[in-house]
Protein backbone atom coordinates (compact mmCIF):
# COMPACT_ATOMS: atom_id res chain seq x y z
CA MET A 1 0.09 0.14 0.07
CA GLU A 2 1.17 3.56 -0.76
CA SER A 3 -0.17 6.81 0.84
CA GLN A 4 0.72 10.72 0.26
CA ASN A 5 -1.47 11.57 2.95
CA LEU A 6 -0.08 9.22 5.84
CA TYR A 7 3.54 8.85 7.52
CA ARG A 8 5.17 5.90 6.96
CA VAL A 9 6.56 5.29 10.05
CA GLU A 10 9.89 4.61 10.81
CA LYS A 11 12.19 2.57 12.09
CA SER A 12 12.78 5.43 14.58
CA ASP A 13 9.16 5.71 15.93
CA LEU A 14 8.94 2.15 16.83
CA GLU A 15 8.81 2.68 20.19
CA ARG A 16 6.68 5.10 20.09
CA LEU A 17 4.61 3.10 18.34
CA GLU A 18 4.40 -0.17 21.10
CA LEU A 19 3.09 2.43 23.70
CA LEU A 20 0.57 3.16 21.49
CA LEU A 21 -0.84 -0.54 21.07
CA THR A 22 -0.41 -0.49 24.65
CA ARG A 23 -2.69 1.88 25.39
CA SER A 24 -4.75 1.75 23.26
CA PHE A 25 -5.22 -2.32 23.84
CA ALA A 26 -5.29 -1.87 27.90
CA ASN A 27 -9.24 -2.79 27.60
CA ASP A 28 -9.45 -4.55 24.78
CA PRO A 29 -11.22 -8.09 25.03
CA LEU A 30 -8.97 -10.19 23.60
CA TYR A 31 -6.14 -9.68 25.80
CA ARG A 32 -8.58 -9.12 28.91
CA SER A 33 -9.33 -13.11 28.41
CA LEU A 34 -6.19 -14.51 27.37
CA ILE A 35 -4.22 -12.11 30.28
CA PRO A 36 -6.99 -11.94 33.00
CA ASP A 37 -4.69 -11.28 36.32
CA GLU A 38 -4.39 -7.07 35.41
CA GLU A 39 -1.34 -6.91 37.44
CA THR A 40 0.12 -9.68 34.66
CA ARG A 41 -1.83 -8.01 31.81
CA LYS A 42 0.11 -4.15 32.17
CA ARG A 43 3.75 -6.36 32.81
CA LEU A 44 3.17 -8.78 29.29
CA MET A 45 1.33 -6.46 26.96
CA PRO A 46 4.22 -3.61 26.57
CA GLU A 47 6.52 -6.66 25.53
CA LEU A 48 4.22 -8.38 23.46
CA PHE A 49 3.90 -5.57 21.76
CA GLN A 50 7.27 -5.36 20.99
CA CYS A 51 7.53 -8.83 19.39
CA ASP A 52 4.66 -7.97 17.56
CA VAL A 53 6.19 -4.54 15.81
CA GLU A 54 9.42 -5.84 15.62
CA GLU A 55 8.05 -8.70 13.33
CA MET A 56 5.45 -5.91 11.92
CA PHE A 57 8.20 -3.72 10.76
CA ALA A 58 9.78 -6.14 9.01
CA THR A 59 6.95 -7.99 7.37
CA CYS A 60 4.16 -5.04 6.94
CA GLU A 61 3.59 -1.79 6.09
CA ILE A 62 3.15 0.90 9.10
CA PHE A 63 1.05 4.26 8.57
CA ALA A 64 0.30 7.12 11.33
CA ASP A 65 -1.68 10.52 11.56
CA SER A 66 1.41 11.93 11.22
CA PRO A 67 4.68 12.00 12.98
CA LYS A 68 3.22 12.48 16.26
CA LEU A 69 1.63 9.36 16.32
CA ASN A 70 -1.78 9.80 17.90
CA GLY A 71 -3.06 7.00 15.74
CA ALA A 72 -1.80 4.18 13.46
CA LEU A 73 -2.06 1.57 10.76
CA ILE A 74 -0.68 -1.31 10.83
CA ILE A 75 -1.43 -3.48 7.25
CA SER A 76 -0.33 -6.29 5.07
CA ASP A 77 -0.89 -5.79 1.39
CA GLU A 78 -1.29 -9.35 0.22
CA SER A 79 -1.37 -8.36 -3.74
CA GLU A 80 2.42 -7.57 -2.79
CA PRO A 81 5.10 -10.84 -3.41
CA TYR A 82 7.02 -11.55 -0.18
CA ASN A 83 9.67 -13.68 0.31
CA PRO A 84 8.71 -16.67 2.07
CA PHE A 85 12.05 -17.74 3.98
CA GLN A 86 12.41 -13.92 5.65
CA TYR A 87 8.64 -14.07 6.46
CA TYR A 88 8.02 -17.31 8.32
CA LEU A 89 11.79 -17.09 10.01
CA THR A 90 10.72 -13.76 11.20
CA GLU A 91 7.36 -14.91 12.44
CA MET A 92 9.27 -18.17 14.69
CA MET A 93 11.59 -15.29 16.05
CA ALA A 94 9.06 -13.47 17.23
CA ALA A 95 6.34 -16.52 18.38
CA LEU A 96 9.85 -18.05 20.84
CA LYS A 97 9.99 -14.14 22.28
CA THR A 98 6.56 -14.05 22.93
CA ASP A 99 6.51 -17.82 24.84
CA GLU A 100 9.79 -16.21 26.68
CA TYR A 101 7.82 -13.21 27.73
CA LEU A 102 4.45 -15.38 28.80
CA ILE A 103 6.03 -17.70 30.86
CA LYS A 104 9.01 -15.02 32.08
CA GLU A 105 5.89 -12.73 34.14
CA ASP A 106 2.95 -16.05 34.74
CA PRO A 107 5.69 -19.07 36.04
CA SER A 108 2.61 -20.27 36.46
CA PHE A 109 2.19 -21.17 33.18
CA LYS A 110 -1.47 -19.65 33.16
CA THR A 111 -1.35 -16.94 30.75
CA PHE A 112 1.15 -19.46 28.18
CA TRP A 113 -1.82 -22.30 28.07
CA ASN A 114 -4.45 -19.39 27.44
CA PHE A 115 -2.54 -18.46 24.50
CA LEU A 116 -1.96 -22.01 23.09
CA LYS A 117 -6.19 -22.81 24.03
CA GLY A 118 -6.80 -19.13 21.91
CA LYS A 119 -4.63 -19.29 19.05
CA ASP A 120 -7.15 -19.43 17.09
CA TYR A 121 -7.96 -15.40 17.90
CA LEU A 122 -4.59 -14.44 17.94
CA ASN A 123 -3.95 -14.98 13.89
CA SER A 124 -6.36 -14.52 10.72
CA ARG A 125 -6.28 -17.76 8.67
CA TRP A 126 -9.75 -17.54 8.61
CA THR A 127 -8.50 -15.33 5.41
CA ASP A 128 -8.00 -18.70 3.60
CA GLN A 129 -11.93 -18.77 3.27
CA LEU A 130 -11.78 -16.27 1.21
CA HIS A 131 -9.64 -16.92 -1.77
CA GLN A 132 -8.35 -13.81 -2.66
CA GLU A 133 -5.07 -12.57 -2.44
CA GLU A 134 -5.47 -9.03 -4.04
CA ARG A 135 -6.48 -7.90 -0.60
CA LEU A 136 -5.57 -5.39 2.09
CA HIS A 137 -5.63 -7.18 5.74
CA ILE A 138 -5.65 -4.30 8.30
CA ILE A 139 -3.73 -5.80 11.30
CA TYR A 140 -3.72 -2.84 13.94
CA LEU A 141 -6.54 0.33 13.51
CA ALA A 142 -5.38 1.97 16.81
CA VAL A 143 -5.64 5.45 18.30
CA GLU A 144 -4.68 7.25 21.53
CA PRO A 145 -7.61 7.02 24.27
CA ALA A 146 -6.83 10.35 24.77
CA MET A 147 -6.83 11.91 20.87
CA GLN A 148 -10.44 9.44 20.37
CA HIS A 149 -12.91 11.19 18.93
CA HIS A 150 -11.08 13.02 16.67
CA GLY A 151 -11.23 11.89 13.36
CA ILE A 152 -7.85 10.32 13.44
CA SER A 153 -9.66 6.46 12.67
CA THR A 154 -11.56 8.31 9.90
CA LYS A 155 -8.50 9.20 8.40
CA LEU A 156 -6.91 5.95 8.39
CA MET A 157 -9.53 4.20 6.77
CA ASP A 158 -10.59 6.50 4.61
CA GLU A 159 -7.06 6.51 2.96
CA THR A 160 -7.45 2.90 3.31
CA ILE A 161 -10.31 2.27 0.85
CA GLU A 162 -9.20 4.89 -1.23
CA TYR A 163 -6.29 2.56 -2.34
CA ALA A 164 -8.24 -0.15 -2.22
CA VAL A 165 -10.87 1.25 -4.40
CA LYS A 166 -8.13 2.49 -6.73
CA HIS A 167 -6.47 -0.80 -6.93
CA ARG A 168 -9.64 -3.10 -6.98
CA LEU A 169 -8.98 -5.28 -3.54
CA MET A 170 -10.93 -6.08 -0.86
CA ILE A 171 -9.80 -5.20 2.64
CA SER A 172 -10.32 -7.84 5.49
CA LEU A 173 -10.17 -7.53 9.27
CA GLU A 174 -10.85 -8.94 12.44
CA THR A 175 -12.06 -7.25 15.65
CA HIS A 176 -12.92 -8.93 19.46
CA ASN A 177 -15.10 -5.68 20.63
CA GLU A 178 -18.45 -5.91 19.62
CA LYS A 179 -18.19 -1.89 19.62
CA ASN A 180 -16.14 -1.73 16.63
CA VAL A 181 -18.46 -4.08 14.43
CA ALA A 182 -21.16 -0.55 13.71
CA PHE A 183 -17.70 1.49 13.19
CA TYR A 184 -16.47 -0.72 10.27
CA LYS A 185 -19.82 -1.06 8.76
CA HIS A 186 -19.94 2.27 8.45
CA PHE A 187 -17.01 1.87 6.23
CA GLY A 188 -18.82 -0.68 3.77
CA PHE A 189 -17.60 -3.77 5.77
CA LYS A 190 -19.61 -6.18 6.64
CA VAL A 191 -19.27 -9.78 8.93
CA PHE A 192 -18.17 -12.83 7.39
CA GLY A 193 -17.80 -14.79 10.30
CA ILE A 194 -17.17 -15.02 13.79
CA VAL A 195 -14.84 -17.35 16.08
CA GLN A 196 -15.55 -18.38 19.42
CA LYS A 197 -13.43 -20.97 20.71
CA GLY A 198 -12.44 -22.46 24.10
CA PHE A 199 -13.31 -18.54 25.19
CA ASP A 200 -16.59 -16.38 26.23
CA LEU A 201 -15.08 -14.18 23.54
CA LYS A 202 -15.89 -13.39 19.75
CA GLN A 203 -13.83 -12.66 16.85
CA TYR A 204 -15.68 -10.53 14.44
CA CYS A 205 -14.48 -11.77 10.76
CA MET A 206 -15.01 -8.57 8.56
CA ILE A 207 -14.34 -7.78 4.78
CA ARG A 208 -15.23 -4.88 2.19
CA GLU A 209 -15.54 -6.26 -0.94
CA VAL A 210 -14.03 -5.27 -4.09
CA GLN A 211 -16.17 -1.78 -5.42
């Protein structure tokens, strides 16, 4: 994906991006389900997002509303060619590091077991059912809590949709927060399916078809 109106996040911005994600998803139903203990969650989430950000900087495209990083969009352009060896090696290293953090912060293995049990919530394998490689996949859309309701999410989404329409691409995403479903429907998304397995938690799998 390309954008003339969004700021492309650089390596020097990654620490601020980790903080943005940590604050934005502090009360997300996914992390509250997988890490029910609040103190463990506070310790773990910065470390988990550090793993995520390092992996995604190498394999995805990351944009922000501006250099201030009040909001960010992490997106995988499935229509672009990629090096499968590099992709899976990066993914494997991130997974090993994540497991290390899970065990370090909760030696009882309860959190580690929750992540194993909830693995279907932690990936986008449901998109295999779409049989569509001409597609953008939104991994994270995050806005600083203090900057919500200032049009930042709309700016990020509008730019993504404009690119997708221009290049005739589907857009896919998942959310674990039911309140977000109406927000995405406003942009033309529909619920493709719902994942619920092992937890009292729903993952809403959503798509915006080629326009």
